[in-house]
C-alpha atoms as a PDB file:
ATOM      1  CA  UNK A   1     -14.267 -56.320 -23.248  1.00  0.00           C
ATOM      2  CA  UNK A   2     -10.864 -56.175 -21.701  1.00  0.00           C
ATOM      3  CA  UNK A   3     -10.055 -54.060 -18.449  1.00  0.00           C
ATOM      4  CA  UNK A   4      -7.748 -51.940 -20.478  1.00  0.00           C
ATOM      5  CA  UNK A   5     -10.444 -50.701 -22.775  1.00  0.00           C
ATOM      6  CA  UNK A   6     -12.560 -49.208 -20.025  1.00  0.00           C
ATOM      7  CA  UNK A   7     -10.120 -48.143 -17.487  1.00  0.00           C
ATOM      8  CA  UNK A   8      -6.795 -47.352 -19.390  1.00  0.00           C
ATOM      9  CA  UNK A   9      -3.899 -47.048 -17.001  1.00  0.00           C
ATOM     10  CA  UNK A  10      -5.752 -48.308 -13.955  1.00  0.00           C
ATOM     11  CA  UNK A  11      -4.839 -51.466 -12.337  1.00  0.00           C
ATOM     12  CA  UNK A  12      -7.264 -54.522 -12.240  1.00  0.00           C
ATOM     13  CA  UNK A  13      -9.830 -54.035  -9.530  1.00  0.00           C
ATOM     14  CA  UNK A  14     -12.746 -55.862  -7.843  1.00  0.00           C
ATOM     15  CA  UNK A  15     -15.926 -55.657  -9.508  1.00  0.00           C
ATOM     16  CA  UNK A  16     -14.902 -55.917 -13.040  1.00  0.00           C
ATOM     17  CA  UNK A  17     -16.831 -58.853 -14.546  1.00  0.00           C
ATOM     18  CA  UNK A  18     -15.169 -59.024 -18.036  1.00  0.00           C
ATOM     19  CA  UNK A  19     -18.331 -57.572 -19.716  1.00  0.00           C
ATOM     20  CA  UNK A  20     -17.427 -53.957 -19.067  1.00  0.00           C
ATOM     21  CA  UNK A  21     -19.640 -53.681 -15.872  1.00  0.00           C
ATOM     22  CA  UNK A  22     -18.109 -52.215 -12.727  1.00  0.00           C
ATOM     23  CA  UNK A  23     -19.300 -52.052  -9.316  1.00  0.00           C
ATOM     24  CA  UNK A  24     -20.514 -48.632  -8.020  1.00  0.00           C
ATOM     25  CA  UNK A  25     -17.637 -48.327  -5.373  1.00  0.00           C
ATOM     26  CA  UNK A  26     -14.977 -49.126  -8.088  1.00  0.00           C
ATOM     27  CA  UNK A  27     -16.220 -46.572 -10.434  1.00  0.00           C
ATOM     28  CA  UNK A  28     -16.460 -43.983  -7.616  1.00  0.00           C
ATOM     29  CA  UNK A  29     -12.832 -44.636  -6.336  1.00  0.00           C
ATOM     30  CA  UNK A  30     -11.444 -44.539  -9.853  1.00  0.00           C
ATOM     31  CA  UNK A  31     -13.142 -41.171 -10.539  1.00  0.00           C
ATOM     32  CA  UNK A  32     -11.979 -39.792  -7.370  1.00  0.00           C
ATOM     33  CA  UNK A  33      -8.336 -40.825  -8.119  1.00  0.00           C
ATOM     34  CA  UNK A  34      -8.578 -39.106 -11.323  1.00  0.00           C
ATOM     35  CA  UNK A  35     -10.057 -36.052  -9.789  1.00  0.00           C
ATOM     36  CA  UNK A  36      -7.371 -35.833  -7.184  1.00  0.00           C
ATOM     37  CA  UNK A  37      -4.559 -36.033  -9.707  1.00  0.00           C
ATOM     38  CA  UNK A  38      -6.259 -33.475 -11.887  1.00  0.00           C
ATOM     39  CA  UNK A  39      -6.747 -31.184  -8.701  1.00  0.00           C
ATOM     40  CA  UNK A  40      -3.110 -31.551  -7.735  1.00  0.00           C
ATOM     41  CA  UNK A  41      -2.074 -30.770 -11.342  1.00  0.00           C
ATOM     42  CA  UNK A  42      -4.337 -27.861 -11.678  1.00  0.00           C
ATOM     43  CA  UNK A  43      -3.071 -26.335  -8.323  1.00  0.00           C
ATOM     44  CA  UNK A  44       0.474 -26.881  -9.406  1.00  0.00           C
ATOM     45  CA  UNK A  45      -0.279 -25.165 -12.673  1.00  0.00           C
ATOM     46  CA  UNK A  46      -1.978 -22.241 -10.831  1.00  0.00           C
ATOM     47  CA  UNK A  47       1.003 -21.929  -8.567  1.00  0.00           C
ATOM     48  CA  UNK A  48       3.524 -21.971 -11.303  1.00  0.00           C
ATOM     49  CA  UNK A  49       1.462 -19.213 -13.055  1.00  0.00           C
ATOM     50  CA  UNK A  50       1.275 -17.177  -9.893  1.00  0.00           C
ATOM     51  CA  UNK A  51       5.145 -17.492  -9.397  1.00  0.00           C
ATOM     52  CA  UNK A  52       5.790 -16.509 -12.957  1.00  0.00           C
ATOM     53  CA  UNK A  53       3.470 -13.522 -12.598  1.00  0.00           C
ATOM     54  CA  UNK A  54       5.215 -12.397  -9.438  1.00  0.00           C
ATOM     55  CA  UNK A  55       8.572 -12.621 -11.072  1.00  0.00           C
ATOM     56  CA  UNK A  56       7.562 -10.579 -14.059  1.00  0.00           C
ATOM     57  CA  UNK A  57       5.963  -7.898 -11.864  1.00  0.00           C
ATOM     58  CA  UNK A  58       8.960  -7.737  -9.620  1.00  0.00           C
ATOM     59  CA  UNK A  59      10.861  -5.676 -12.269  1.00  0.00           C
ATOM     60  CA  UNK A  60       8.060  -3.335 -12.578  1.00  0.00           C
ATOM     61  CA  UNK A  61       7.809  -2.828  -8.828  1.00  0.00           C
ATOM     62  CA  UNK A  62      11.425  -2.045  -8.725  1.00  0.00           C
ATOM     63  CA  UNK A  63      11.163   0.435 -11.484  1.00  0.00           C
ATOM     64  CA  UNK A  64       7.892   2.107  -9.934  1.00  0.00           C
ATOM     65  CA  UNK A  65       9.640   2.363  -6.515  1.00  0.00           C
ATOM     66  CA  UNK A  66      12.628   4.277  -8.008  1.00  0.00           C
ATOM     67  CA  UNK A  67      10.253   6.623  -9.808  1.00  0.00           C
ATOM     68  CA  UNK A  68       8.064   7.180  -6.722  1.00  0.00           C
ATOM     69  CA  UNK A  69      11.347   7.860  -4.659  1.00  0.00           C
ATOM     70  CA  UNK A  70      12.552  10.399  -7.088  1.00  0.00           C
ATOM     71  CA  UNK A  71       9.211  12.122  -7.055  1.00  0.00           C
ATOM     72  CA  UNK A  72       9.009  12.191  -3.430  1.00  0.00           C
ATOM     73  CA  UNK A  73      12.497  13.307  -2.906  1.00  0.00           C
ATOM     74  CA  UNK A  74      11.939  16.340  -5.325  1.00  0.00           C
ATOM     75  CA  UNK A  75       8.626  17.171  -3.699  1.00  0.00           C
ATOM     76  CA  UNK A  76       9.988  17.149  -0.268  1.00  0.00           C
ATOM     77  CA  UNK A  77      13.029  19.338  -1.175  1.00  0.00           C
ATOM     78  CA  UNK A  78      10.571  21.865  -2.983  1.00  0.00           C
ATOM     79  CA  UNK A  79       8.439  22.039   0.057  1.00  0.00           C
ATOM     80  CA  UNK A  80      11.251  22.370   2.394  1.00  0.00           C
ATOM     81  CA  UNK A  81      12.827  25.275   0.462  1.00  0.00           C
ATOM     82  CA  UNK A  82       9.340  27.071   0.262  1.00  0.00           C
ATOM     83  CA  UNK A  83       8.796  26.581   3.986  1.00  0.00           C
ATOM     84  CA  UNK A  84      12.117  27.923   4.986  1.00  0.00           C
ATOM     85  CA  UNK A  85      11.716  30.919   2.722  1.00  0.00           C
ATOM     86  CA  UNK A  86       8.209  31.493   3.999  1.00  0.00           C
ATOM     87  CA  UNK A  87       9.297  31.198   7.718  1.00  0.00           C
ATOM     88  CA  UNK A  88      12.255  33.500   7.311  1.00  0.00           C
ATOM     89  CA  UNK A  89      10.125  36.166   5.634  1.00  0.00           C
ATOM     90  CA  UNK A  90       7.194  35.697   8.136  1.00  0.00           C
ATOM     91  CA  UNK A  91       9.803  36.049  11.112  1.00  0.00           C
ATOM     92  CA  UNK A  92      11.365  39.336   9.778  1.00  0.00           C
ATOM     93  CA  UNK A  93       7.825  40.842   8.966  1.00  0.00           C
ATOM     94  CA  UNK A  94       6.462  40.034  12.436  1.00  0.00           C
ATOM     95  CA  UNK A  95       9.620  40.831  14.234  1.00  0.00           C
ATOM     96  CA  UNK A  96       9.721  44.474  12.689  1.00  0.00           C
ATOM     97  CA  UNK A  97       6.034  44.916  13.372  1.00  0.00           C
ATOM     98  CA  UNK A  98       6.434  43.991  16.976  1.00  0.00           C
ATOM     99  CA  UNK A  99       9.391  46.234  17.338  1.00  0.00           C
ATOM    100  CA  UNK A 100       7.327  49.131  15.789  1.00  0.00           C
ATOM    101  CA  UNK A 101       4.375  48.428  18.156  1.00  0.00           C
ATOM    102  CA  UNK A 102       6.672  48.380  21.154  1.00  0.00           C
ATOM    103  CA  UNK A 103       8.624  51.483  20.117  1.00  0.00           C
ATOM    104  CA  UNK A 104       5.486  53.475  19.594  1.00  0.00           C
ATOM    105  CA  UNK A 105       4.425  52.835  23.203  1.00  0.00           C
ATOM    106  CA  UNK A 106       7.922  53.494  24.626  1.00  0.00           C
ATOM    107  CA  UNK A 107       7.228  56.488  26.814  1.00  0.00           C
ATOM    108  CA  UNK A 108       3.785  56.052  27.340  1.00  0.00           C
ATOM    109  CA  UNK A 109       1.965  54.844  30.605  1.00  0.00           C
ATOM    110  CA  UNK A 110       0.621  51.669  28.863  1.00  0.00           C
ATOM    111  CA  UNK A 111       4.226  50.578  27.633  1.00  0.00           C
ATOM    112  CA  UNK A 112       4.215  47.298  29.819  1.00  0.00           C
ATOM    113  CA  UNK A 113       0.644  46.426  28.587  1.00  0.00           C
ATOM    114  CA  UNK A 114       1.793  46.654  25.108  1.00  0.00           C
ATOM    115  CA  UNK A 115       4.949  44.587  25.728  1.00  0.00           C
ATOM    116  CA  UNK A 116       2.828  41.828  27.302  1.00  0.00           C
ATOM    117  CA  UNK A 117       0.182  42.022  24.781  1.00  0.00           C
ATOM    118  CA  UNK A 118       2.663  41.292  22.080  1.00  0.00           C
ATOM    119  CA  UNK A 119       4.089  38.394  24.149  1.00  0.00           C
ATOM    120  CA  UNK A 120       0.574  36.863  24.603  1.00  0.00           C
ATOM    121  CA  UNK A 121      -0.282  37.476  20.911  1.00  0.00           C
ATOM    122  CA  UNK A 122       2.869  35.463  19.996  1.00  0.00           C
ATOM    123  CA  UNK A 123       1.937  32.799  22.483  1.00  0.00           C
ATOM    124  CA  UNK A 124      -1.459  32.514  21.039  1.00  0.00           C
ATOM    125  CA  UNK A 125      -0.277  32.463  17.403  1.00  0.00           C
ATOM    126  CA  UNK A 126       2.163  29.620  18.401  1.00  0.00           C
ATOM    127  CA  UNK A 127      -0.730  27.524  19.938  1.00  0.00           C
ATOM    128  CA  UNK A 128      -2.756  28.079  16.804  1.00  0.00           C
ATOM    129  CA  UNK A 129       0.025  26.992  14.614  1.00  0.00           C
ATOM    130  CA  UNK A 130       0.774  23.996  16.792  1.00  0.00           C
ATOM    131  CA  UNK A 131      -3.107  22.995  16.448  1.00  0.00           C
ATOM    132  CA  UNK A 132      -3.063  23.544  12.827  1.00  0.00           C
ATOM    133  CA  UNK A 133       0.076  21.359  12.291  1.00  0.00           C
ATOM    134  CA  UNK A 134      -1.553  18.534  14.173  1.00  0.00           C
ATOM    135  CA  UNK A 135      -4.799  18.882  12.063  1.00  0.00           C
ATOM    136  CA  UNK A 136      -3.062  18.529   8.786  1.00  0.00           C
ATOM    137  CA  UNK A 137      -3.305  15.284   6.989  1.00  0.00           C
ATOM    138  CA  UNK A 138      -0.005  13.487   6.326  1.00  0.00           C
ATOM    139  CA  UNK A 139       1.143  13.284   2.653  1.00  0.00           C
ATOM    140  CA  UNK A 140       1.004   9.622   1.593  1.00  0.00           C
ATOM    141  CA  UNK A 141       4.057   8.852  -0.330  1.00  0.00           C
ATOM    142  CA  UNK A 142       4.277   5.714  -2.618  1.00  0.00           C
ATOM    143  CA  UNK A 143       0.431   5.413  -3.104  1.00  0.00           C
ATOM    144  CA  UNK A 144       0.801   4.262  -6.719  1.00  0.00           C
ATOM    145  CA  UNK A 145       3.197   1.405  -5.670  1.00  0.00           C
ATOM    146  CA  UNK A 146       0.846   0.519  -2.708  1.00  0.00           C
ATOM    147  CA  UNK A 147      -2.177   0.390  -5.027  1.00  0.00           C
ATOM    148  CA  UNK A 148      -0.285  -1.727  -7.633  1.00  0.00           C
ATOM    149  CA  UNK A 149       0.772  -4.105  -4.956  1.00  0.00           C
ATOM    150  CA  UNK A 150      -2.683  -4.422  -3.601  1.00  0.00           C
ATOM    151  CA  UNK A 151      -4.290  -4.860  -7.161  1.00  0.00           C
ATOM    152  CA  UNK A 152      -1.722  -7.733  -7.878  1.00  0.00           C
ATOM    153  CA  UNK A 153      -2.266  -9.533  -4.460  1.00  0.00           C
ATOM    154  CA  UNK A 154      -6.082  -9.491  -5.172  1.00  0.00           C
ATOM    155  CA  UNK A 155      -5.477 -10.878  -8.540  1.00  0.00           C
ATOM    156  CA  UNK A 156      -3.230 -13.747  -7.039  1.00  0.00           C
ATOM    157  CA  UNK A 157      -5.871 -14.352  -4.492  1.00  0.00           C
ATOM    158  CA  UNK A 158      -8.340 -14.802  -7.125  1.00  0.00           C
ATOM    159  CA  UNK A 159      -6.133 -16.963  -9.282  1.00  0.00           C
ATOM    160  CA  UNK A 160      -5.393 -19.370  -6.283  1.00  0.00           C
ATOM    161  CA  UNK A 161      -9.045 -19.812  -5.454  1.00  0.00           C
END
């Protein structure tokens, strides 16, 4: 048996006795060399696959980002217009109500109490509104894009293991 028959592509090494028998150390080192080459090749292939996946998904992310930005912009505009209309209507309503309460107590002995009562009621309503605004949960924009990115990153992590 020739050395090339048992170990094609490997240089002649110690422990080959011509009869096809190798020393244990020689067999282990040859196997480790092949494993290291295969693991490097496998890692390079996985990195190449990850890179091509990321490039393909980049266009999807850009499209998703533009869609989410348009949706967020229209939602914010709608909410802003509704909030302004509600605020204007509420202010006019409450203003006329307060004027009516004060005018009805105009020549009465408790006139100052009514005026201060209206002012304190407005102060309390303002504090309640402030606390309500702080308690609101913020609207999370771009949730779909964030979820897609997290799912793809998880896929990439698993592919690189």
